[in-house]
Amino acid sequence: MITALLFIAISFFIGSIPFGYLVGHHLFKKDITKLGSGNIGATNTFRILGRPAGTLVFILDVCKGAVPLLLFIWAYPGLHNVTFSFYKIAVGMAAPLGHMYSPFLNFKGGKGVSTGLGVILVLSFKVAIILVVVQFAVLFVSRYVSLASITSVTLYPVLVFFLIKGDYPLLIFAFFVAALVVFKHRENIKRIINKTEPRIWA
């Protein structure tokens, strides 16, 4: 499926668009990669540029995970074989990878949570809703965005295993995303243990 490979490349390209950096640079004349945590995601944008900018970046980052995958699914209506499932997962994986390792930022980037959420919303909507509820609950109790993200993403493969039985491509994707996001949060984990991780509010 040459077209599927093209969709994977498109998904990676769209995922690699650094909306946090672009919003900061063009709307606020600030380089968000040099402020706060240096992350281009919604959380650092929220802290540095405020709630409207953070919300905008969050929506854009979710969309860049969801839109390429939706376009791929719409391009092949009625196709549901195993090969298609694996290609669908590959297209889904490409967007968070683009966000995390953006060629526009010398293959640096964000942590992939919002973009990954966009993909999960398309692949497993009901599971995504549960994860969002869990993330907000952990955030409300702990006030750590990073801990909320880590908790929800590690729960993802567990929910897929128990609630979507037999979808092994999706289960592989869930484990892959969980491992990658946790890896990208390794410094946050150290700071949480050392109690030096900044909270979203005091």
Protein backbone atom coordinates (compact mmCIF):
# COMPACT_ATOMS: atom_id res chain seq x y z
CA MET A 1 0.00 0.00 0.00
CA ILE A 2 2.07 2.89 -1.33
CA THR A 3 -0.72 5.30 -0.39
CA ALA A 4 -0.54 4.11 3.23
CA LEU A 5 3.18 4.88 3.33
CA LEU A 6 2.39 8.36 2.01
CA PHE A 7 -0.16 8.81 4.81
CA ILE A 8 2.46 7.77 7.37
CA ALA A 9 4.84 10.40 6.01
CA ILE A 10 2.07 13.03 5.99
CA SER A 11 1.11 12.11 9.56
CA PHE A 12 4.71 12.51 10.71
CA PHE A 13 4.99 15.85 8.91
CA ILE A 14 1.77 17.23 10.39
CA GLY A 15 2.71 15.89 13.83
CA SER A 16 6.06 17.64 13.61
CA ILE A 17 4.54 21.11 13.17
CA PRO A 18 5.56 22.86 16.44
CA PHE A 19 2.40 24.80 17.18
CA GLY A 20 3.61 25.83 20.66
CA TYR A 21 6.72 27.40 19.16
CA LEU A 22 4.77 29.03 16.31
CA VAL A 23 2.13 30.53 18.61
CA GLY A 24 4.80 31.86 20.95
CA HIS A 25 6.97 33.21 18.15
CA HIS A 26 4.32 34.81 15.93
CA LEU A 27 1.69 35.92 18.45
CA PHE A 28 3.80 36.74 21.51
CA LYS A 29 7.30 37.28 20.08
CA LYS A 30 8.65 34.73 22.56
CA ASP A 31 10.70 31.60 21.95
CA ILE A 32 8.95 29.03 24.12
CA THR A 33 11.79 26.56 23.65
CA LYS A 34 13.94 28.87 25.78
CA LEU A 35 11.39 29.62 28.49
CA GLY A 36 10.00 27.55 31.34
CA SER A 37 10.61 23.86 30.71
CA GLY A 38 11.53 24.57 27.08
CA ASN A 39 8.76 22.21 25.98
CA ILE A 40 6.61 23.13 22.96
CA GLY A 41 3.47 21.51 24.36
CA ALA A 42 0.31 22.96 25.85
CA THR A 43 1.47 22.85 29.49
CA ASN A 44 4.54 25.02 29.01
CA THR A 45 2.57 27.29 26.68
CA PHE A 46 -0.08 27.66 29.39
CA ARG A 47 2.54 28.54 32.00
CA ILE A 48 4.49 30.98 29.84
CA LEU A 49 1.89 32.53 27.53
CA GLY A 50 -1.35 32.09 29.46
CA ARG A 51 -4.56 30.07 29.31
CA PRO A 52 -5.85 31.17 25.85
CA ALA A 53 -2.52 30.35 24.18
CA GLY A 54 -2.22 27.06 26.07
CA THR A 55 -5.76 26.08 25.11
CA LEU A 56 -5.12 26.93 21.46
CA VAL A 57 -1.94 24.85 21.38
CA PHE A 58 -3.69 21.96 23.11
CA ILE A 59 -6.47 21.93 20.50
CA LEU A 60 -4.02 22.19 17.61
CA ASP A 61 -1.83 19.41 19.02
CA VAL A 62 -4.85 17.12 19.50
CA CYS A 63 -5.98 17.85 15.94
CA LYS A 64 -2.61 17.07 14.41
CA GLY A 65 -2.87 13.60 15.93
CA ALA A 66 -6.49 13.01 14.94
CA VAL A 67 -6.76 14.57 11.46
CA PRO A 68 -4.16 12.49 9.53
CA LEU A 69 -5.59 9.27 10.96
CA LEU A 70 -9.17 10.29 10.16
CA LEU A 71 -8.16 11.11 6.59
CA PHE A 72 -6.50 7.71 6.24
CA ILE A 73 -9.58 5.90 7.55
CA TRP A 74 -11.88 7.91 5.27
CA ALA A 75 -9.62 7.08 2.30
CA TYR A 76 -10.33 3.36 2.79
CA PRO A 77 -14.02 3.03 3.70
CA GLY A 78 -15.15 -0.48 4.57
CA LEU A 79 -11.62 -1.88 4.81
CA HIS A 80 -11.07 -3.65 8.12
CA ASN A 81 -8.52 -6.44 7.55
CA VAL A 82 -5.43 -7.02 9.70
CA THR A 83 -3.09 -5.34 7.22
CA PHE A 84 -5.24 -2.21 7.25
CA SER A 85 -5.26 -2.26 11.08
CA PHE A 86 -1.47 -2.27 11.23
CA TYR A 87 -1.20 0.53 8.66
CA LYS A 88 -3.79 2.50 10.63
CA ILE A 89 -1.71 2.09 13.78
CA ALA A 90 1.43 3.13 11.89
CA VAL A 91 -0.27 6.30 10.68
CA GLY A 92 -1.38 6.94 14.25
CA MET A 93 2.11 6.39 15.66
CA ALA A 94 3.71 8.76 13.16
CA ALA A 95 2.04 11.94 14.45
CA PRO A 96 3.22 11.71 18.10
CA LEU A 97 6.67 10.72 16.87
CA GLY A 98 6.71 13.83 14.68
CA HIS A 99 5.71 15.95 17.66
CA MET A 100 8.41 14.44 19.86
CA TYR A 101 11.17 14.55 17.24
CA SER A 102 10.30 17.48 15.00
CA PRO A 103 12.67 18.09 12.08
CA PHE A 104 11.68 21.77 12.35
CA LEU A 105 13.33 21.87 15.79
CA ASN A 106 16.44 19.79 15.07
CA PHE A 107 14.52 16.61 15.94
CA LYS A 108 13.55 17.87 19.36
CA GLY A 109 9.98 18.50 20.47
CA GLY A 110 7.28 17.89 23.00
CA LYS A 111 6.19 14.86 24.98
CA GLY A 112 3.40 13.72 22.73
CA VAL A 113 0.53 13.64 25.23
CA SER A 114 -1.92 15.94 23.42
CA THR A 115 -1.05 14.59 19.98
CA GLY A 116 -1.30 11.04 21.29
CA LEU A 117 -4.71 11.89 22.75
CA GLY A 118 -5.86 12.94 19.29
CA VAL A 119 -4.86 9.55 17.93
CA ILE A 120 -6.47 7.68 20.83
CA LEU A 121 -9.73 9.59 20.34
CA VAL A 122 -9.91 8.21 16.81
CA LEU A 123 -8.74 4.67 17.58
CA SER A 124 -10.64 4.07 20.82
CA PHE A 125 -12.98 6.92 21.73
CA LYS A 126 -14.51 5.36 24.85
CA VAL A 127 -11.10 4.51 26.26
CA ALA A 128 -9.93 8.05 25.51
CA ILE A 129 -12.80 9.50 27.56
CA ILE A 130 -11.85 7.31 30.53
CA LEU A 131 -8.22 8.41 30.22
CA VAL A 132 -9.21 12.09 30.14
CA VAL A 133 -11.30 11.65 33.29
CA VAL A 134 -8.42 9.87 35.03
CA GLN A 135 -5.95 12.53 33.93
CA PHE A 136 -8.08 15.37 35.26
CA ALA A 137 -8.70 13.50 38.52
CA VAL A 138 -4.98 12.94 39.10
CA LEU A 139 -4.25 16.55 38.11
CA PHE A 140 -6.87 17.86 40.53
CA VAL A 141 -5.47 15.81 43.42
CA SER A 142 -1.74 16.09 42.74
CA ARG A 143 -1.55 19.36 40.72
CA TYR A 144 1.22 17.72 38.66
CA VAL A 145 0.46 17.75 34.93
CA SER A 146 3.29 15.30 34.32
CA LEU A 147 2.00 12.81 36.89
CA ALA A 148 -1.51 13.05 35.44
CA SER A 149 -0.14 12.38 31.95
CA ILE A 150 2.03 9.47 33.08
CA THR A 151 -0.85 7.88 35.01
CA SER A 152 -3.32 8.07 32.15
CA VAL A 153 -0.90 6.86 29.48
CA THR A 154 0.23 3.87 31.53
CA LEU A 155 -3.42 2.99 32.09
CA TYR A 156 -4.07 3.04 28.33
CA PRO A 157 -2.74 -0.45 27.43
CA VAL A 158 -4.48 -1.91 30.49
CA LEU A 159 -7.84 -0.52 29.35
CA VAL A 160 -7.28 -1.68 25.78
CA PHE A 161 -6.43 -5.18 27.00
CA PHE A 162 -9.58 -5.51 29.09
CA LEU A 163 -12.09 -3.43 27.13
CA ILE A 164 -11.10 -4.03 23.49
CA LYS A 165 -10.27 -7.71 23.45
CA GLY A 166 -8.56 -9.19 20.43
CA ASP A 167 -7.38 -5.94 18.83
CA TYR A 168 -3.67 -6.75 18.95
CA PRO A 169 -2.50 -3.93 16.64
CA LEU A 170 -4.21 -1.45 18.98
CA LEU A 171 -2.68 -3.14 22.02
CA ILE A 172 0.78 -2.88 20.45
CA PHE A 173 0.14 0.80 19.77
CA ALA A 174 -1.03 1.34 23.36
CA PHE A 175 2.13 -0.21 24.83
CA PHE A 176 4.32 1.71 22.37
CA VAL A 177 2.72 5.06 23.19
CA ALA A 178 2.81 4.39 26.94
CA ALA A 179 6.50 3.46 26.85
CA LEU A 180 7.45 6.42 24.67
CA VAL A 181 5.53 9.01 26.71
CA VAL A 182 6.90 7.68 30.00
CA PHE A 183 10.41 7.80 28.50
CA LYS A 184 9.89 11.43 27.46
CA HIS A 185 8.79 12.19 31.06
CA ARG A 186 11.82 10.60 32.70
CA GLU A 187 13.15 13.95 33.96
CA ASN A 188 9.71 14.82 35.33
CA ILE A 189 9.64 11.52 37.19
CA LYS A 190 12.97 12.36 38.82
CA ARG A 191 11.68 15.80 39.82
CA ILE A 192 8.46 14.34 41.24
CA ILE A 193 10.50 11.92 43.37
CA ASN A 194 12.73 14.79 44.50
CA LYS A 195 9.68 17.04 45.04
CA THR A 196 11.05 19.69 42.71
CA GLU A 197 8.48 19.27 39.92
CA PRO A 198 6.47 22.51 39.41
CA ARG A 199 2.73 22.24 40.03
CA ILE A 200 0.14 23.64 37.66
CA TRP A 201 -1.16 25.85 40.46
CA ALA A 202 0.08 26.57 43.97
